[in-house]
PDB file of N, CA and C in Angstrom:
ATOM      1  N   MET A   1       0.781  -1.291  -0.126  1.00  0.00           N
ATOM      2  CA  MET A   1       0.024  -0.148  -0.051  1.00  0.00           C
ATOM      3  C   MET A   1       0.910   1.354   0.032  1.00  0.00           C
ATOM      4  N   GLU A   2       0.431   2.181  -0.888  1.00  0.00           N
ATOM      5  CA  GLU A   2       1.334   3.422  -1.129  1.00  0.00           C
ATOM      6  C   GLU A   2       1.266   4.214   0.213  1.00  0.00           C
ATOM      7  N   THR A   3       0.386   4.291   1.171  1.00  0.00           N
ATOM      8  CA  THR A   3       0.531   4.769   2.466  1.00  0.00           C
ATOM      9  C   THR A   3       1.700   4.356   3.310  1.00  0.00           C
ATOM     10  N   ILE A   4       1.893   3.173   3.553  1.00  0.00           N
ATOM     11  CA  ILE A   4       2.979   2.654   4.236  1.00  0.00           C
ATOM     12  C   ILE A   4       4.458   2.999   3.639  1.00  0.00           C
ATOM     13  N   TYR A   5       4.384   2.808   2.342  1.00  0.00           N
ATOM     14  CA  TYR A   5       5.770   3.073   1.686  1.00  0.00           C
ATOM     15  C   TYR A   5       6.057   4.574   1.936  1.00  0.00           C
ATOM     16  N   ARG A   6       5.161   5.487   1.793  1.00  0.00           N
ATOM     17  CA  ARG A   6       5.244   6.743   2.128  1.00  0.00           C
ATOM     18  C   ARG A   6       5.655   7.089   3.488  1.00  0.00           C
ATOM     19  N   LEU A   7       4.908   6.626   4.512  1.00  0.00           N
ATOM     20  CA  LEU A   7       5.052   6.703   5.775  1.00  0.00           C
ATOM     21  C   LEU A   7       6.380   6.140   6.274  1.00  0.00           C
ATOM     22  N   THR A   8       6.824   5.042   5.573  1.00  0.00           N
ATOM     23  CA  THR A   8       8.261   4.513   6.124  1.00  0.00           C
ATOM     24  C   THR A   8       9.135   5.416   5.508  1.00  0.00           C
ATOM     25  N   GLU A   9       9.179   6.055   4.439  1.00  0.00           N
ATOM     26  CA  GLU A   9      10.250   6.892   4.027  1.00  0.00           C
ATOM     27  C   GLU A   9      10.338   8.179   4.760  1.00  0.00           C
ATOM     28  N   LYS A  10       8.998   8.534   5.217  1.00  0.00           N
ATOM     29  CA  LYS A  10       9.036   9.717   5.969  1.00  0.00           C
ATOM     30  C   LYS A  10       9.766   9.750   7.354  1.00  0.00           C
ATOM     31  N   ILE A  11       9.373   8.563   8.032  1.00  0.00           N
ATOM     32  CA  ILE A  11       9.909   8.132   9.361  1.00  0.00           C
ATOM     33  C   ILE A  11      11.516   7.925   9.052  1.00  0.00           C
ATOM     34  N   ASP A  12      11.802   7.035   8.283  1.00  0.00           N
ATOM     35  CA  ASP A  12      13.167   6.895   7.968  1.00  0.00           C
ATOM     36  C   ASP A  12      13.919   8.109   7.853  1.00  0.00           C
ATOM     37  N   ASN A  13      13.378   9.177   7.135  1.00  0.00           N
ATOM     38  CA  ASN A  13      14.166  10.444   7.060  1.00  0.00           C
ATOM     39  C   ASN A  13      14.259  11.275   8.024  1.00  0.00           C
ATOM     40  N   TYR A  14      13.598  11.157   9.241  1.00  0.00           N
ATOM     41  CA  TYR A  14      13.566  11.848  10.352  1.00  0.00           C
ATOM     42  C   TYR A  14      15.145  11.410  11.131  1.00  0.00           C
ATOM     43  N   ALA A  15      15.734  10.223  10.640  1.00  0.00           N
ATOM     44  CA  ALA A  15      17.045   9.968  11.307  1.00  0.00           C
ATOM     45  C   ALA A  15      18.042  11.111  11.001  1.00  0.00           C
ATOM     46  N   ASN A  16      17.850  11.715   9.716  1.00  0.00           N
ATOM     47  CA  ASN A  16      18.887  12.535   9.134  1.00  0.00           C
ATOM     48  C   ASN A  16      18.590  14.148   8.977  1.00  0.00           C
ATOM     49  N   ILE A  17      17.340  14.525   9.420  1.00  0.00           N
ATOM     50  CA  ILE A  17      17.029  15.950   9.316  1.00  0.00           C
ATOM     51  C   ILE A  17      16.507  16.481  10.746  1.00  0.00           C
ATOM     52  N   PRO A  18      16.531  17.796  10.908  1.00  0.00           N
ATOM     53  CA  PRO A  18      16.028  18.434  12.070  1.00  0.00           C
ATOM     54  C   PRO A  18      14.425  18.084  12.159  1.00  0.00           C
ATOM     55  N   TRP A  19      13.927  17.722  13.288  1.00  0.00           N
ATOM     56  CA  TRP A  19      12.463  17.278  13.236  1.00  0.00           C
ATOM     57  C   TRP A  19      11.571  18.774  13.208  1.00  0.00           C
ATOM     58  N   GLY A  20      11.997  19.964  13.683  1.00  0.00           N
ATOM     59  CA  GLY A  20      11.200  21.021  13.934  1.00  0.00           C
ATOM     60  C   GLY A  20      10.436  21.185  15.108  1.00  0.00           C
ATOM     61  N   ASN A  21       9.338  21.487  15.121  1.00  0.00           N
ATOM     62  CA  ASN A  21       8.520  21.484  16.266  1.00  0.00           C
ATOM     63  C   ASN A  21       7.533  20.425  16.035  1.00  0.00           C
ATOM     64  N   ASP A  22       6.439  20.411  17.042  1.00  0.00           N
ATOM     65  CA  ASP A  22       5.411  19.319  16.915  1.00  0.00           C
ATOM     66  C   ASP A  22       4.434  19.659  15.757  1.00  0.00           C
ATOM     67  N   ASP A  23       4.272  20.938  15.446  1.00  0.00           N
ATOM     68  CA  ASP A  23       3.347  21.325  14.308  1.00  0.00           C
ATOM     69  C   ASP A  23       4.001  20.763  12.918  1.00  0.00           C
ATOM     70  N   ASP A  24       5.325  20.852  12.812  1.00  0.00           N
ATOM     71  CA  ASP A  24       6.042  20.595  11.814  1.00  0.00           C
ATOM     72  C   ASP A  24       6.094  19.039  11.404  1.00  0.00           C
ATOM     73  N   VAL A  25       6.070  18.179  12.640  1.00  0.00           N
ATOM     74  CA  VAL A  25       6.021  16.720  12.564  1.00  0.00           C
ATOM     75  C   VAL A  25       4.674  16.543  12.113  1.00  0.00           C
ATOM     76  N   ARG A  26       3.638  17.008  12.730  1.00  0.00           N
ATOM     77  CA  ARG A  26       2.203  16.725  12.325  1.00  0.00           C
ATOM     78  C   ARG A  26       1.894  16.970  10.805  1.00  0.00           C
ATOM     79  N   ALA A  27       2.510  18.047  10.330  1.00  0.00           N
ATOM     80  CA  ALA A  27       2.384  18.475   9.044  1.00  0.00           C
ATOM     81  C   ALA A  27       2.856  17.391   7.933  1.00  0.00           C
ATOM     82  N   VAL A  28       3.914  16.728   8.373  1.00  0.00           N
ATOM     83  CA  VAL A  28       4.645  15.676   7.525  1.00  0.00           C
ATOM     84  C   VAL A  28       3.904  14.323   7.754  1.00  0.00           C
ATOM     85  N   LEU A  29       3.604  14.049   8.995  1.00  0.00           N
ATOM     86  CA  LEU A  29       3.131  12.579   9.109  1.00  0.00           C
ATOM     87  C   LEU A  29       1.476  12.352   9.219  1.00  0.00           C
ATOM     88  N   TRP A  30       0.809  13.385   9.690  1.00  0.00           N
ATOM     89  CA  TRP A  30      -0.559  13.158  10.007  1.00  0.00           C
ATOM     90  C   TRP A  30      -1.446  12.503   8.837  1.00  0.00           C
ATOM     91  N   ASP A  31      -1.235  13.005   7.804  1.00  0.00           N
ATOM     92  CA  ASP A  31      -2.294  12.583   6.778  1.00  0.00           C
ATOM     93  C   ASP A  31      -2.166  10.981   6.485  1.00  0.00           C
ATOM     94  N   ASP A  32      -0.900  10.635   6.510  1.00  0.00           N
ATOM     95  CA  ASP A  32      -0.620   9.175   6.234  1.00  0.00           C
ATOM     96  C   ASP A  32      -0.972   8.233   7.455  1.00  0.00           C
ATOM     97  N   LEU A  33      -0.677   8.869   8.662  1.00  0.00           N
ATOM     98  CA  LEU A  33      -1.115   8.244   9.990  1.00  0.00           C
ATOM     99  C   LEU A  33      -2.625   7.972   9.978  1.00  0.00           C
ATOM    100  N   ASP A  34      -3.282   9.087   9.707  1.00  0.00           N
ATOM    101  CA  ASP A  34      -4.767   9.074   9.753  1.00  0.00           C
ATOM    102  C   ASP A  34      -5.343   8.091   8.721  1.00  0.00           C
ATOM    103  N   ASP A  35      -4.734   8.011   7.515  1.00  0.00           N
ATOM    104  CA  ASP A  35      -5.250   7.055   6.528  1.00  0.00           C
ATOM    105  C   ASP A  35      -4.863   5.727   7.153  1.00  0.00           C
ATOM    106  N   LEU A  36      -3.885   5.525   7.857  1.00  0.00           N
ATOM    107  CA  LEU A  36      -3.492   4.012   8.302  1.00  0.00           C
ATOM    108  C   LEU A  36      -4.661   3.825   9.423  1.00  0.00           C
ATOM    109  N   ARG A  37      -4.689   4.781  10.477  1.00  0.00           N
ATOM    110  CA  ARG A  37      -5.530   4.515  11.449  1.00  0.00           C
ATOM    111  C   ARG A  37      -7.214   4.130  10.953  1.00  0.00           C
ATOM    112  N   ASN A  38      -7.518   4.851   9.917  1.00  0.00           N
ATOM    113  CA  ASN A  38      -8.998   4.496   9.423  1.00  0.00           C
ATOM    114  C   ASN A  38      -9.139   3.404   8.471  1.00  0.00           C
ATOM    115  N   LEU A  39      -8.056   2.633   8.219  1.00  0.00           N
ATOM    116  CA  LEU A  39      -8.398   1.264   7.302  1.00  0.00           C
ATOM    117  C   LEU A  39      -9.171   0.415   8.084  1.00  0.00           C
ATOM    118  N   LEU A  40     -10.082  -0.632   7.601  1.00  0.00           N
ATOM    119  CA  LEU A  40     -10.624  -1.432   8.216  1.00  0.00           C
ATOM    120  C   LEU A  40      -9.621  -2.507   8.682  1.00  0.00           C
ATOM    121  N   PRO A  41     -10.025  -3.022   9.993  1.00  0.00           N
ATOM    122  CA  PRO A  41      -9.079  -3.925  10.797  1.00  0.00           C
ATOM    123  C   PRO A  41      -8.327  -4.835   9.878  1.00  0.00           C
ATOM    124  N   GLU A  42      -8.967  -5.487   8.898  1.00  0.00           N
ATOM    125  CA  GLU A  42      -8.292  -6.683   8.062  1.00  0.00           C
ATOM    126  C   GLU A  42      -7.395  -5.962   7.076  1.00  0.00           C
ATOM    127  N   GLN A  43      -7.663  -4.759   6.660  1.00  0.00           N
ATOM    128  CA  GLN A  43      -6.776  -4.090   5.710  1.00  0.00           C
ATOM    129  C   GLN A  43      -5.503  -3.585   6.518  1.00  0.00           C
ATOM    130  N   LYS A  44      -5.648  -3.119   7.510  1.00  0.00           N
ATOM    131  CA  LYS A  44      -4.596  -2.722   8.334  1.00  0.00           C
ATOM    132  C   LYS A  44      -3.631  -3.813   8.665  1.00  0.00           C
ATOM    133  N   GLU A  45      -4.272  -5.037   9.221  1.00  0.00           N
ATOM    134  CA  GLU A  45      -3.381  -6.184   9.685  1.00  0.00           C
ATOM    135  C   GLU A  45      -2.573  -6.563   8.308  1.00  0.00           C
ATOM    136  N   ASN A  46      -3.136  -6.572   6.918  1.00  0.00           N
ATOM    137  CA  ASN A  46      -2.316  -7.004   5.816  1.00  0.00           C
ATOM    138  C   ASN A  46      -1.241  -6.068   5.573  1.00  0.00           C
ATOM    139  N   VAL A  47      -1.703  -4.607   5.639  1.00  0.00           N
ATOM    140  CA  VAL A  47      -0.670  -3.475   5.251  1.00  0.00           C
ATOM    141  C   VAL A  47       0.343  -3.574   6.161  1.00  0.00           C
ATOM    142  N   MET A  48      -0.095  -3.883   7.470  1.00  0.00           N
ATOM    143  CA  MET A  48       1.207  -3.434   8.691  1.00  0.00           C
ATOM    144  C   MET A  48       1.976  -5.007   9.077  1.00  0.00           C
ATOM    145  N   ARG A  49       1.636  -6.177   8.497  1.00  0.00           N
ATOM    146  CA  ARG A  49       2.001  -7.185   8.855  1.00  0.00           C
ATOM    147  C   ARG A  49       3.675  -7.407   8.871  1.00  0.00           C
ATOM    148  N   ASP A  50       4.348  -6.855   7.920  1.00  0.00           N
ATOM    149  CA  ASP A  50       5.841  -7.032   8.088  1.00  0.00           C
ATOM    150  C   ASP A  50       6.172  -5.372   8.202  1.00  0.00           C
ATOM    151  N   TRP A  51       5.690  -4.655   8.661  1.00  0.00           N
ATOM    152  CA  TRP A  51       6.116  -3.126   8.367  1.00  0.00           C
ATOM    153  C   TRP A  51       7.007  -2.921   9.651  1.00  0.00           C
ATOM    154  N   LYS A  52       8.212  -2.268   9.347  1.00  0.00           N
ATOM    155  CA  LYS A  52       9.109  -2.131  10.358  1.00  0.00           C
ATOM    156  C   LYS A  52       8.713  -1.234  11.506  1.00  0.00           C
ATOM    157  N   TYR A  53       7.748  -0.514  11.387  1.00  0.00           N
ATOM    158  CA  TYR A  53       7.381   0.442  12.429  1.00  0.00           C
ATOM    159  C   TYR A  53       6.206  -0.048  13.121  1.00  0.00           C
ATOM    160  N   LYS A  54       5.535  -1.476  12.860  1.00  0.00           N
ATOM    161  CA  LYS A  54       4.587  -1.805  13.254  1.00  0.00           C
ATOM    162  C   LYS A  54       4.283  -1.784  14.824  1.00  0.00           C
ATOM    163  N   ASP A  55       5.433  -2.282  15.567  1.00  0.00           N
ATOM    164  CA  ASP A  55       5.396  -2.172  17.107  1.00  0.00           C
ATOM    165  C   ASP A  55       5.327  -0.660  17.524  1.00  0.00           C
ATOM    166  N   THR A  56       6.158   0.248  16.914  1.00  0.00           N
ATOM    167  CA  THR A  56       6.112   1.509  17.331  1.00  0.00           C
ATOM    168  C   THR A  56       4.719   2.229  17.140  1.00  0.00           C
ATOM    169  N   TYR A  57       4.017   1.820  15.983  1.00  0.00           N
ATOM    170  CA  TYR A  57       2.729   2.183  15.614  1.00  0.00           C
ATOM    171  C   TYR A  57       1.846   1.640  16.805  1.00  0.00           C
ATOM    172  N   ASP A  58       1.832   0.375  16.962  1.00  0.00           N
ATOM    173  CA  ASP A  58       0.992  -0.108  18.053  1.00  0.00           C
ATOM    174  C   ASP A  58       0.963   0.251  19.342  1.00  0.00           C
ATOM    175  N   CYS A  59       2.236   0.788  19.857  1.00  0.00           N
ATOM    176  CA  CYS A  59       2.352   1.546  21.183  1.00  0.00           C
ATOM    177  C   CYS A  59       1.851   2.599  21.068  1.00  0.00           C
ATOM    178  N   THR A  60       1.944   3.502  20.024  1.00  0.00           N
ATOM    179  CA  THR A  60       1.535   4.856  19.987  1.00  0.00           C
ATOM    180  C   THR A  60      -0.059   4.859  19.978  1.00  0.00           C
ATOM    181  N   VAL A  61      -0.654   3.937  19.190  1.00  0.00           N
ATOM    182  CA  VAL A  61      -2.063   3.797  19.174  1.00  0.00           C
ATOM    183  C   VAL A  61      -2.490   3.165  20.901  1.00  0.00           C
ATOM    184  N   LYS A  62      -1.869   2.364  21.398  1.00  0.00           N
ATOM    185  CA  LYS A  62      -2.331   1.957  22.818  1.00  0.00           C
ATOM    186  C   LYS A  62      -2.155   3.245  23.669  1.00  0.00           C
ATOM    187  N   ALA A  63      -1.065   4.141  23.497  1.00  0.00           N
ATOM    188  CA  ALA A  63      -0.822   5.462  24.554  1.00  0.00           C
ATOM    189  C   ALA A  63      -1.892   6.193  24.188  1.00  0.00           C
ATOM    190  N   HIS A  64      -2.529   6.295  23.114  1.00  0.00           N
ATOM    191  CA  HIS A  64      -3.519   7.288  22.592  1.00  0.00           C
ATOM    192  C   HIS A  64      -4.850   6.735  22.584  1.00  0.00           C
ATOM    193  N   GLU A  65      -5.192   5.642  23.139  1.00  0.00           N
ATOM    194  CA  GLU A  65      -6.667   5.161  23.335  1.00  0.00           C
ATOM    195  C   GLU A  65      -7.449   6.285  24.212  1.00  0.00           C
ATOM    196  N   ASN A  66      -8.663   6.314  24.074  1.00  0.00           N
ATOM    197  CA  ASN A  66      -9.583   6.889  24.808  1.00  0.00           C
ATOM    198  C   ASN A  66      -9.153   8.319  24.812  1.00  0.00           C
ATOM    199  N   GLY A  67      -8.593   9.032  24.157  1.00  0.00           N
ATOM    200  CA  GLY A  67      -8.201  10.542  24.259  1.00  0.00           C
ATOM    201  C   GLY A  67      -6.851  10.667  25.020  1.00  0.00           C
ATOM    202  N   GLY A  68      -6.273   9.579  25.323  1.00  0.00           N
ATOM    203  CA  GLY A  68      -4.963   9.586  26.020  1.00  0.00           C
ATOM    204  C   GLY A  68      -3.781  10.264  25.126  1.00  0.00           C
ATOM    205  N   LYS A  69      -2.816  10.754  25.672  1.00  0.00           N
ATOM    206  CA  LYS A  69      -1.651  11.412  24.954  1.00  0.00           C
ATOM    207  C   LYS A  69      -0.435  11.181  25.492  1.00  0.00           C
ATOM    208  N   THR A  70       0.668  10.928  24.848  1.00  0.00           N
ATOM    209  CA  THR A  70       1.953  10.789  25.220  1.00  0.00           C
ATOM    210  C   THR A  70       2.543  12.253  25.879  1.00  0.00           C
ATOM    211  N   PHE A  71       2.162  13.286  25.070  1.00  0.00           N
ATOM    212  CA  PHE A  71       2.578  14.617  25.356  1.00  0.00           C
ATOM    213  C   PHE A  71       1.407  15.358  25.807  1.00  0.00           C
ATOM    214  N   GLU A  72       1.124  15.707  27.140  1.00  0.00           N
ATOM    215  CA  GLU A  72      -0.033  16.268  27.556  1.00  0.00           C
ATOM    216  C   GLU A  72      -0.460  17.580  27.026  1.00  0.00           C
ATOM    217  N   LEU A  73       0.577  18.463  26.897  1.00  0.00           N
ATOM    218  CA  LEU A  73       0.519  19.799  26.316  1.00  0.00           C
ATOM    219  C   LEU A  73       0.244  20.058  24.868  1.00  0.00           C
ATOM    220  N   LEU A  74       0.438  18.852  24.270  1.00  0.00           N
ATOM    221  CA  LEU A  74       0.210  18.859  22.634  1.00  0.00           C
ATOM    222  C   LEU A  74      -1.302  18.594  22.384  1.00  0.00           C
ATOM    223  N   THR A  75      -1.801  18.794  21.056  1.00  0.00           N
ATOM    224  CA  THR A  75      -2.978  18.404  20.779  1.00  0.00           C
ATOM    225  C   THR A  75      -2.951  16.827  20.482  1.00  0.00           C
ATOM    226  N   TRP A  76      -3.989  16.275  20.483  1.00  0.00           N
ATOM    227  CA  TRP A  76      -4.023  14.562  20.357  1.00  0.00           C
ATOM    228  C   TRP A  76      -3.290  14.208  19.091  1.00  0.00           C
ATOM    229  N   GLN A  77      -3.566  14.806  17.915  1.00  0.00           N
ATOM    230  CA  GLN A  77      -2.745  14.718  16.618  1.00  0.00           C
ATOM    231  C   GLN A  77      -1.230  14.742  16.776  1.00  0.00           C
ATOM    232  N   ASN A  78      -0.832  16.014  17.312  1.00  0.00           N
ATOM    233  CA  ASN A  78       0.346  16.335  17.458  1.00  0.00           C
ATOM    234  C   ASN A  78       1.095  15.452  18.402  1.00  0.00           C
ATOM    235  N   SER A  79       0.529  14.885  19.469  1.00  0.00           N
ATOM    236  CA  SER A  79       1.028  14.015  20.311  1.00  0.00           C
ATOM    237  C   SER A  79       1.232  12.712  19.706  1.00  0.00           C
ATOM    238  N   PHE A  80       0.316  12.245  18.851  1.00  0.00           N
ATOM    239  CA  PHE A  80       0.357  10.957  18.256  1.00  0.00           C
ATOM    240  C   PHE A  80       1.651  10.944  17.246  1.00  0.00           C
ATOM    241  N   CYS A  81       1.738  12.043  16.450  1.00  0.00           N
ATOM    242  CA  CYS A  81       2.735  11.908  15.471  1.00  0.00           C
ATOM    243  C   CYS A  81       4.139  11.942  16.176  1.00  0.00           C
ATOM    244  N   LEU A  82       4.346  12.881  17.123  1.00  0.00           N
ATOM    245  CA  LEU A  82       5.506  12.906  17.793  1.00  0.00           C
ATOM    246  C   LEU A  82       5.884  11.803  18.545  1.00  0.00           C
ATOM    247  N   ALA A  83       5.000  11.057  19.073  1.00  0.00           N
ATOM    248  CA  ALA A  83       5.160   9.759  19.850  1.00  0.00           C
ATOM    249  C   ALA A  83       5.809   8.724  19.046  1.00  0.00           C
ATOM    250  N   ILE A  84       5.329   8.511  17.710  1.00  0.00           N
ATOM    251  CA  ILE A  84       5.852   7.644  17.006  1.00  0.00           C
ATOM    252  C   ILE A  84       7.372   7.911  16.661  1.00  0.00           C
ATOM    253  N   LEU A  85       7.750   9.170  16.571  1.00  0.00           N
ATOM    254  CA  LEU A  85       9.224   9.551  16.335  1.00  0.00           C
ATOM    255  C   LEU A  85       9.988   9.305  17.536  1.00  0.00           C
ATOM    256  N   PHE A  86       9.433   9.637  18.670  1.00  0.00           N
ATOM    257  CA  PHE A  86      10.020   9.481  20.076  1.00  0.00           C
ATOM    258  C   PHE A  86      10.085   7.835  20.285  1.00  0.00           C
ATOM    259  N   MET A  87       9.153   7.149  20.032  1.00  0.00           N
ATOM    260  CA  MET A  87       9.190   5.640  20.258  1.00  0.00           C
ATOM    261  C   MET A  87      10.179   4.963  19.650  1.00  0.00           C
ATOM    262  N   TYR A  88      10.441   5.411  18.406  1.00  0.00           N
ATOM    263  CA  TYR A  88      11.433   4.957  17.539  1.00  0.00           C
ATOM    264  C   TYR A  88      12.763   5.271  17.732  1.00  0.00           C
ATOM    265  N   TYR A  89      12.990   6.662  17.678  1.00  0.00           N
ATOM    266  CA  TYR A  89      14.304   7.210  17.791  1.00  0.00           C
ATOM    267  C   TYR A  89      14.897   7.471  19.128  1.00  0.00           C
ATOM    268  N   HIS A  90      14.220   7.221  20.305  1.00  0.00           N
ATOM    269  CA  HIS A  90      14.609   7.503  21.514  1.00  0.00           C
ATOM    270  C   HIS A  90      14.615   6.308  22.409  1.00  0.00           C
TER     271      HIS A  90
END
């Protein structure tokens, strides 16, 4: 699926570029993350089966269930996007 390839490339690229602020990270990642979030469960399972960021994504989803946030002072979407990067890169 195109979304996974695009998202993988974007997350990979953060290893070599400044992240900017939380709004910058959201501007880059949110549309693809939201597309992934909104897939039907069976579609999501197929797309994510061998995805290198699957565990990172799953942990982020769990941390953001029921309106929870990893970064309390940020919007929910910004926290979700930034959490993906922090869980993988830190």
